[in-house]
Amino acid sequence: MAKKKKGESPQTIQNVEQTLTRTEQYLEENYKTMLTVLAVVVGLVGLFWLARIFVSNRNEEAQSQMYQAERYLEMDSVRLALYGDGNYLGFLDIAREYKYTNAGNLARYGAGISYLHLGEYEEAISFLRKYSKKDKLIGSLAIGAIGDAWVEMGDLDKGIAQYIEAAEYASNDFNTPLFLMKAGELYELTGNYSEALRLYQRIKSEYPESTEGSSIDKYIARAKLLIN
């Protein structure tokens, strides 16, 4: 077994000293640059956290304002929900003044639903499209509400397309059969009974326990009759 060396050679010591000298020279030459980079990084991190705190506070403000707007919408006081009552902001002002917050985004959905109730369908579509669909349930309802607006304006084909999109977007036991049923009924109105039957049979197969599934047999029978 070879014996372990007790010391380093003069050449090794010289190489180490040269490396240290080069490192010191580099640090001296780039000292200001490194400090500047460090300051920029620290500043960016600080700005990021300040922005998060600011947005969080703004979101809380928007939520406290929107509570009353939601209450008005539930009470069918749609104009108060949309425009506010003088003490609390309505969906429109919340969406505009707090547009970078989650609550401001949700206010766009509220404004779209309010316009839908008021019969202002193009405005409803505009706001519902601006809503950023971060939640599958509400996102599906927003897509379906756009379908409602198209149907009210007489464009059944666009209504069908939106209902099917809403059904696929949600992919749950509530929204999906609901919008499949709405699309199926529109297919019947347009005389496309085979497509209506296909959607009804899908509800029966995939969502038998849903509200729509409990009464789907009569729709299937009617579609078959109309086809024949």
C-alpha atoms as a PDB file:
ATOM      1  CA  MET A   1       0.000   0.000   0.000  1.00  0.00           C
ATOM      2  CA  ALA A   2       1.483   3.390  -0.982  1.00  0.00           C
ATOM      3  CA  LYS A   3       2.340   5.872   1.784  1.00  0.00           C
ATOM      4  CA  LYS A   4       0.312   9.110   1.965  1.00  0.00           C
ATOM      5  CA  LYS A   5       2.281  12.233   1.141  1.00  0.00           C
ATOM      6  CA  LYS A   6       2.771  14.546   4.084  1.00  0.00           C
ATOM      7  CA  GLY A   7       3.099  17.787   2.098  1.00  0.00           C
ATOM      8  CA  GLU A   8       2.475  19.436  -1.202  1.00  0.00           C
ATOM      9  CA  SER A   9       5.175  20.101  -3.785  1.00  0.00           C
ATOM     10  CA  PRO A  10       6.459  23.670  -4.364  1.00  0.00           C
ATOM     11  CA  GLN A  11       4.885  23.589  -7.844  1.00  0.00           C
ATOM     12  CA  THR A  12       1.439  22.784  -6.406  1.00  0.00           C
ATOM     13  CA  ILE A  13       1.720  25.630  -3.890  1.00  0.00           C
ATOM     14  CA  GLN A  14       2.716  28.014  -6.690  1.00  0.00           C
ATOM     15  CA  ASN A  15      -0.302  26.960  -8.789  1.00  0.00           C
ATOM     16  CA  VAL A  16      -2.659  27.572  -5.884  1.00  0.00           C
ATOM     17  CA  GLU A  17      -1.155  31.018  -5.261  1.00  0.00           C
ATOM     18  CA  GLN A  18      -1.539  31.903  -8.936  1.00  0.00           C
ATOM     19  CA  THR A  19      -5.197  30.821  -8.889  1.00  0.00           C
ATOM     20  CA  LEU A  20      -5.890  32.901  -5.787  1.00  0.00           C
ATOM     21  CA  THR A  21      -4.188  35.904  -7.353  1.00  0.00           C
ATOM     22  CA  ARG A  22      -6.305  35.622 -10.512  1.00  0.00           C
ATOM     23  CA  THR A  23      -9.467  35.315  -8.394  1.00  0.00           C
ATOM     24  CA  GLU A  24      -8.552  38.452  -6.434  1.00  0.00           C
ATOM     25  CA  GLN A  25      -7.876  40.347  -9.664  1.00  0.00           C
ATOM     26  CA  TYR A  26     -11.244  39.275 -11.098  1.00  0.00           C
ATOM     27  CA  LEU A  27     -13.081  40.372  -7.954  1.00  0.00           C
ATOM     28  CA  GLU A  28     -11.295  43.729  -7.937  1.00  0.00           C
ATOM     29  CA  GLU A  29     -12.014  44.351 -11.630  1.00  0.00           C
ATOM     30  CA  ASN A  30     -15.699  43.315 -11.469  1.00  0.00           C
ATOM     31  CA  TYR A  31     -16.566  44.448  -7.943  1.00  0.00           C
ATOM     32  CA  LYS A  32     -18.870  47.304  -9.002  1.00  0.00           C
ATOM     33  CA  THR A  33     -20.578  45.214 -11.678  1.00  0.00           C
ATOM     34  CA  MET A  34     -21.296  42.410  -9.229  1.00  0.00           C
ATOM     35  CA  LEU A  35     -22.705  44.855  -6.687  1.00  0.00           C
ATOM     36  CA  THR A  36     -24.946  46.385  -9.363  1.00  0.00           C
ATOM     37  CA  VAL A  37     -26.268  42.964 -10.409  1.00  0.00           C
ATOM     38  CA  LEU A  38     -26.904  42.038  -6.777  1.00  0.00           C
ATOM     39  CA  ALA A  39     -28.736  45.313  -6.175  1.00  0.00           C
ATOM     40  CA  VAL A  40     -30.921  44.745  -9.249  1.00  0.00           C
ATOM     41  CA  VAL A  41     -31.816  41.208  -8.131  1.00  0.00           C
ATOM     42  CA  VAL A  42     -32.657  42.373  -4.600  1.00  0.00           C
ATOM     43  CA  GLY A  43     -34.706  45.232  -6.032  1.00  0.00           C
ATOM     44  CA  LEU A  44     -36.682  42.945  -8.333  1.00  0.00           C
ATOM     45  CA  VAL A  45     -37.433  40.522  -5.507  1.00  0.00           C
ATOM     46  CA  GLY A  46     -38.579  43.432  -3.350  1.00  0.00           C
ATOM     47  CA  LEU A  47     -40.808  44.804  -6.099  1.00  0.00           C
ATOM     48  CA  PHE A  48     -42.312  41.365  -6.649  1.00  0.00           C
ATOM     49  CA  TRP A  49     -43.315  41.011  -3.003  1.00  0.00           C
ATOM     50  CA  LEU A  50     -44.596  44.589  -2.823  1.00  0.00           C
ATOM     51  CA  ALA A  51     -46.713  43.934  -5.922  1.00  0.00           C
ATOM     52  CA  ARG A  52     -48.139  40.770  -4.366  1.00  0.00           C
ATOM     53  CA  ILE A  53     -49.039  42.624  -1.167  1.00  0.00           C
ATOM     54  CA  PHE A  54     -50.605  45.479  -3.157  1.00  0.00           C
ATOM     55  CA  VAL A  55     -52.696  43.142  -5.339  1.00  0.00           C
ATOM     56  CA  SER A  56     -53.770  41.126  -2.289  1.00  0.00           C
ATOM     57  CA  ASN A  57     -54.970  44.275  -0.512  1.00  0.00           C
ATOM     58  CA  ARG A  58     -56.762  45.480  -3.635  1.00  0.00           C
ATOM     59  CA  ASN A  59     -58.435  42.092  -4.009  1.00  0.00           C
ATOM     60  CA  GLU A  60     -59.768  42.293  -0.445  1.00  0.00           C
ATOM     61  CA  GLU A  61     -61.152  45.774  -1.154  1.00  0.00           C
ATOM     62  CA  ALA A  62     -62.844  44.531  -4.326  1.00  0.00           C
ATOM     63  CA  GLN A  63     -64.359  41.542  -2.540  1.00  0.00           C
ATOM     64  CA  SER A  64     -65.885  43.754   0.149  1.00  0.00           C
ATOM     65  CA  GLN A  65     -67.400  45.958  -2.574  1.00  0.00           C
ATOM     66  CA  MET A  66     -68.655  43.045  -4.650  1.00  0.00           C
ATOM     67  CA  TYR A  67     -70.517  41.359  -1.795  1.00  0.00           C
ATOM     68  CA  GLN A  68     -73.342  43.897  -2.087  1.00  0.00           C
ATOM     69  CA  ALA A  69     -73.408  43.667  -5.890  1.00  0.00           C
ATOM     70  CA  GLU A  70     -73.841  39.892  -5.631  1.00  0.00           C
ATOM     71  CA  ARG A  71     -76.633  40.382  -3.106  1.00  0.00           C
ATOM     72  CA  TYR A  72     -78.441  42.767  -5.463  1.00  0.00           C
ATOM     73  CA  LEU A  73     -78.130  40.253  -8.318  1.00  0.00           C
ATOM     74  CA  GLU A  74     -79.628  37.524  -6.126  1.00  0.00           C
ATOM     75  CA  MET A  75     -82.516  39.895  -5.315  1.00  0.00           C
ATOM     76  CA  ASP A  76     -83.057  40.624  -9.053  1.00  0.00           C
ATOM     77  CA  SER A  77     -82.063  44.253  -8.472  1.00  0.00           C
ATOM     78  CA  VAL A  78     -79.958  43.933 -11.589  1.00  0.00           C
ATOM     79  CA  ARG A  79     -79.275  47.612 -12.277  1.00  0.00           C
ATOM     80  CA  LEU A  80     -78.054  48.152  -8.723  1.00  0.00           C
ATOM     81  CA  ALA A  81     -75.830  45.097  -9.100  1.00  0.00           C
ATOM     82  CA  LEU A  82     -74.424  46.463 -12.339  1.00  0.00           C
ATOM     83  CA  TYR A  83     -74.084  50.181 -11.557  1.00  0.00           C
ATOM     84  CA  GLY A  84     -73.915  50.286  -7.750  1.00  0.00           C
ATOM     85  CA  ASP A  85     -76.084  52.129  -5.223  1.00  0.00           C
ATOM     86  CA  GLY A  86     -73.932  55.143  -4.359  1.00  0.00           C
ATOM     87  CA  ASN A  87     -72.448  53.473  -1.289  1.00  0.00           C
ATOM     88  CA  TYR A  88     -71.159  50.295  -2.895  1.00  0.00           C
ATOM     89  CA  LEU A  89     -69.693  49.869  -6.359  1.00  0.00           C
ATOM     90  CA  GLY A  90     -71.447  47.805  -8.982  1.00  0.00           C
ATOM     91  CA  PHE A  91     -69.903  45.100 -11.121  1.00  0.00           C
ATOM     92  CA  LEU A  92     -68.892  47.585 -13.835  1.00  0.00           C
ATOM     93  CA  ASP A  93     -66.840  49.843 -11.562  1.00  0.00           C
ATOM     94  CA  ILE A  94     -65.301  46.907  -9.707  1.00  0.00           C
ATOM     95  CA  ALA A  95     -64.258  45.318 -12.994  1.00  0.00           C
ATOM     96  CA  ARG A  96     -62.687  48.604 -14.120  1.00  0.00           C
ATOM     97  CA  GLU A  97     -61.046  49.788 -10.879  1.00  0.00           C
ATOM     98  CA  TYR A  98     -59.820  46.381  -9.701  1.00  0.00           C
ATOM     99  CA  LYS A  99     -59.206  44.739 -13.058  1.00  0.00           C
ATOM    100  CA  TYR A 100     -55.925  43.061 -12.067  1.00  0.00           C
ATOM    101  CA  THR A 101     -57.442  41.239  -9.086  1.00  0.00           C
ATOM    102  CA  ASN A 102     -59.347  37.958  -8.897  1.00  0.00           C
ATOM    103  CA  ALA A 103     -62.400  39.829  -7.633  1.00  0.00           C
ATOM    104  CA  GLY A 104     -62.160  42.261 -10.556  1.00  0.00           C
ATOM    105  CA  ASN A 105     -62.089  39.320 -12.927  1.00  0.00           C
ATOM    106  CA  LEU A 106     -65.148  37.793 -11.256  1.00  0.00           C
ATOM    107  CA  ALA A 107     -66.895  41.166 -11.540  1.00  0.00           C
ATOM    108  CA  ARG A 108     -66.618  40.863 -15.329  1.00  0.00           C
ATOM    109  CA  TYR A 109     -68.607  37.647 -15.101  1.00  0.00           C
ATOM    110  CA  GLY A 110     -71.160  39.371 -12.844  1.00  0.00           C
ATOM    111  CA  ALA A 111     -71.474  42.255 -15.290  1.00  0.00           C
ATOM    112  CA  GLY A 112     -72.035  39.828 -18.167  1.00  0.00           C
ATOM    113  CA  ILE A 113     -74.783  37.997 -16.290  1.00  0.00           C
ATOM    114  CA  SER A 114     -76.396  41.305 -15.333  1.00  0.00           C
ATOM    115  CA  TYR A 115     -76.451  42.494 -18.948  1.00  0.00           C
ATOM    116  CA  LEU A 116     -77.935  39.133 -19.939  1.00  0.00           C
ATOM    117  CA  HIS A 117     -80.804  39.667 -17.473  1.00  0.00           C
ATOM    118  CA  LEU A 118     -81.334  43.176 -18.835  1.00  0.00           C
ATOM    119  CA  GLY A 119     -81.597  41.888 -22.410  1.00  0.00           C
ATOM    120  CA  GLU A 120     -78.429  43.693 -23.528  1.00  0.00           C
ATOM    121  CA  TYR A 121     -77.009  40.596 -25.158  1.00  0.00           C
ATOM    122  CA  GLU A 122     -74.044  42.021 -27.060  1.00  0.00           C
ATOM    123  CA  GLU A 123     -72.764  43.704 -23.885  1.00  0.00           C
ATOM    124  CA  ALA A 124     -73.317  40.435 -22.039  1.00  0.00           C
ATOM    125  CA  ILE A 125     -71.211  38.529 -24.577  1.00  0.00           C
ATOM    126  CA  SER A 126     -68.480  41.170 -24.440  1.00  0.00           C
ATOM    127  CA  PHE A 127     -68.067  40.976 -20.645  1.00  0.00           C
ATOM    128  CA  LEU A 128     -68.428  37.208 -20.457  1.00  0.00           C
ATOM    129  CA  ARG A 129     -65.639  36.833 -23.015  1.00  0.00           C
ATOM    130  CA  LYS A 130     -63.422  39.151 -20.966  1.00  0.00           C
ATOM    131  CA  TYR A 131     -63.853  36.936 -17.931  1.00  0.00           C
ATOM    132  CA  SER A 132     -60.682  34.862 -17.443  1.00  0.00           C
ATOM    133  CA  LYS A 133     -61.895  31.314 -16.865  1.00  0.00           C
ATOM    134  CA  LYS A 134     -59.771  30.309 -13.861  1.00  0.00           C
ATOM    135  CA  ASP A 135     -62.548  28.234 -12.324  1.00  0.00           C
ATOM    136  CA  LYS A 136     -63.995  25.280 -14.256  1.00  0.00           C
ATOM    137  CA  LEU A 137     -67.492  25.630 -12.801  1.00  0.00           C
ATOM    138  CA  ILE A 138     -67.912  29.383 -13.318  1.00  0.00           C
ATOM    139  CA  GLY A 139     -65.983  29.232 -16.586  1.00  0.00           C
ATOM    140  CA  SER A 140     -68.469  26.715 -17.923  1.00  0.00           C
ATOM    141  CA  LEU A 141     -71.389  28.871 -16.786  1.00  0.00           C
ATOM    142  CA  ALA A 142     -69.838  31.882 -18.531  1.00  0.00           C
ATOM    143  CA  ILE A 143     -69.528  29.957 -21.808  1.00  0.00           C
ATOM    144  CA  GLY A 144     -73.096  28.714 -21.448  1.00  0.00           C
ATOM    145  CA  ALA A 145     -74.354  32.234 -20.719  1.00  0.00           C
ATOM    146  CA  ILE A 146     -72.793  33.380 -23.995  1.00  0.00           C
ATOM    147  CA  GLY A 147     -74.830  30.616 -25.612  1.00  0.00           C
ATOM    148  CA  ASP A 148     -77.976  31.979 -23.937  1.00  0.00           C
ATOM    149  CA  ALA A 149     -77.241  35.418 -25.380  1.00  0.00           C
ATOM    150  CA  TRP A 150     -76.806  34.038 -28.912  1.00  0.00           C
ATOM    151  CA  VAL A 151     -80.058  32.098 -28.614  1.00  0.00           C
ATOM    152  CA  GLU A 152     -81.899  35.220 -27.446  1.00  0.00           C
ATOM    153  CA  MET A 153     -80.546  37.034 -30.508  1.00  0.00           C
ATOM    154  CA  GLY A 154     -81.845  34.219 -32.739  1.00  0.00           C
ATOM    155  CA  ASP A 155     -78.548  32.545 -33.661  1.00  0.00           C
ATOM    156  CA  LEU A 156     -79.283  28.957 -32.625  1.00  0.00           C
ATOM    157  CA  ASP A 157     -76.197  27.477 -34.287  1.00  0.00           C
ATOM    158  CA  LYS A 158     -73.877  29.672 -32.221  1.00  0.00           C
ATOM    159  CA  GLY A 159     -75.967  28.871 -29.165  1.00  0.00           C
ATOM    160  CA  ILE A 160     -75.501  25.131 -29.755  1.00  0.00           C
ATOM    161  CA  ALA A 161     -71.745  25.552 -30.229  1.00  0.00           C
ATOM    162  CA  GLN A 162     -71.446  27.462 -26.951  1.00  0.00           C
ATOM    163  CA  TYR A 163     -73.524  24.929 -25.017  1.00  0.00           C
ATOM    164  CA  ILE A 164     -71.412  22.034 -26.243  1.00  0.00           C
ATOM    165  CA  GLU A 165     -68.227  23.951 -25.403  1.00  0.00           C
ATOM    166  CA  ALA A 166     -69.610  24.695 -21.926  1.00  0.00           C
ATOM    167  CA  ALA A 167     -70.461  21.024 -21.413  1.00  0.00           C
ATOM    168  CA  GLU A 168     -66.978  19.865 -22.399  1.00  0.00           C
ATOM    169  CA  TYR A 169     -65.215  22.620 -20.452  1.00  0.00           C
ATOM    170  CA  ALA A 170     -66.886  21.733 -17.164  1.00  0.00           C
ATOM    171  CA  SER A 171     -66.731  17.956 -17.347  1.00  0.00           C
ATOM    172  CA  ASN A 172     -68.762  17.496 -14.162  1.00  0.00           C
ATOM    173  CA  ASP A 173     -72.088  15.956 -13.135  1.00  0.00           C
ATOM    174  CA  PHE A 174     -73.923  19.286 -12.963  1.00  0.00           C
ATOM    175  CA  ASN A 175     -72.847  21.569 -15.803  1.00  0.00           C
ATOM    176  CA  THR A 176     -72.161  18.935 -18.445  1.00  0.00           C
ATOM    177  CA  PRO A 177     -75.601  17.270 -18.575  1.00  0.00           C
ATOM    178  CA  LEU A 178     -77.268  20.675 -18.207  1.00  0.00           C
ATOM    179  CA  PHE A 179     -75.604  22.091 -21.308  1.00  0.00           C
ATOM    180  CA  LEU A 180     -75.831  18.846 -23.264  1.00  0.00           C
ATOM    181  CA  MET A 181     -79.592  18.981 -22.680  1.00  0.00           C
ATOM    182  CA  LYS A 182     -79.819  22.603 -23.818  1.00  0.00           C
ATOM    183  CA  ALA A 183     -77.842  21.781 -26.956  1.00  0.00           C
ATOM    184  CA  GLY A 184     -80.034  18.732 -27.623  1.00  0.00           C
ATOM    185  CA  GLU A 185     -83.232  20.762 -27.380  1.00  0.00           C
ATOM    186  CA  LEU A 186     -81.838  23.323 -29.814  1.00  0.00           C
ATOM    187  CA  TYR A 187     -80.891  20.550 -32.214  1.00  0.00           C
ATOM    188  CA  GLU A 188     -84.533  19.470 -32.115  1.00  0.00           C
ATOM    189  CA  LEU A 189     -85.680  23.019 -32.875  1.00  0.00           C
ATOM    190  CA  THR A 190     -83.387  23.135 -35.915  1.00  0.00           C
ATOM    191  CA  GLY A 191     -84.586  19.705 -37.098  1.00  0.00           C
ATOM    192  CA  ASN A 192     -81.332  17.898 -36.409  1.00  0.00           C
ATOM    193  CA  TYR A 193     -82.976  15.042 -34.512  1.00  0.00           C
ATOM    194  CA  SER A 194     -80.101  12.571 -34.868  1.00  0.00           C
ATOM    195  CA  GLU A 195     -77.703  14.942 -33.102  1.00  0.00           C
ATOM    196  CA  ALA A 196     -80.308  15.611 -30.425  1.00  0.00           C
ATOM    197  CA  LEU A 197     -80.661  11.862 -29.898  1.00  0.00           C
ATOM    198  CA  ARG A 198     -76.898  11.444 -29.668  1.00  0.00           C
ATOM    199  CA  LEU A 199     -76.653  14.022 -26.884  1.00  0.00           C
ATOM    200  CA  TYR A 200     -79.652  12.607 -25.020  1.00  0.00           C
ATOM    201  CA  GLN A 201     -78.161   9.118 -25.151  1.00  0.00           C
ATOM    202  CA  ARG A 202     -74.883  10.473 -23.846  1.00  0.00           C
ATOM    203  CA  ILE A 203     -76.680  11.992 -20.863  1.00  0.00           C
ATOM    204  CA  LYS A 204     -78.387   8.653 -20.192  1.00  0.00           C
ATOM    205  CA  SER A 205     -75.103   6.761 -20.464  1.00  0.00           C
ATOM    206  CA  GLU A 206     -72.706   9.115 -18.662  1.00  0.00           C
ATOM    207  CA  TYR A 207     -74.922  11.124 -16.285  1.00  0.00           C
ATOM    208  CA  PRO A 208     -77.896   8.913 -15.321  1.00  0.00           C
ATOM    209  CA  GLU A 209     -77.999  10.306 -11.767  1.00  0.00           C
ATOM    210  CA  SER A 210     -78.216  13.950 -12.853  1.00  0.00           C
ATOM    211  CA  THR A 211     -81.432  15.978 -12.904  1.00  0.00           C
ATOM    212  CA  GLU A 212     -81.456  15.749 -16.696  1.00  0.00           C
ATOM    213  CA  GLY A 213     -80.685  12.033 -16.610  1.00  0.00           C
ATOM    214  CA  SER A 214     -83.698  11.266 -14.423  1.00  0.00           C
ATOM    215  CA  SER A 215     -86.122  12.320 -17.184  1.00  0.00           C
ATOM    216  CA  ILE A 216     -84.033  11.688 -20.295  1.00  0.00           C
ATOM    217  CA  ASP A 217     -85.955   8.622 -21.528  1.00  0.00           C
ATOM    218  CA  LYS A 218     -88.865  10.688 -22.808  1.00  0.00           C
ATOM    219  CA  TYR A 219     -86.493  12.949 -24.751  1.00  0.00           C
ATOM    220  CA  ILE A 220     -84.808   9.909 -26.300  1.00  0.00           C
ATOM    221  CA  ALA A 221     -88.181   8.447 -27.267  1.00  0.00           C
ATOM    222  CA  ARG A 222     -89.309  11.732 -28.805  1.00  0.00           C
ATOM    223  CA  ALA A 223     -86.101  12.130 -30.807  1.00  0.00           C
ATOM    224  CA  LYS A 224     -86.405   8.579 -32.150  1.00  0.00           C
ATOM    225  CA  LEU A 225     -90.000   9.233 -33.118  1.00  0.00           C
ATOM    226  CA  LEU A 226     -89.061  12.417 -34.940  1.00  0.00           C
ATOM    227  CA  ILE A 227     -86.257  10.645 -36.799  1.00  0.00           C
ATOM    228  CA  ASN A 228     -88.620   7.902 -37.973  1.00  0.00           C
END
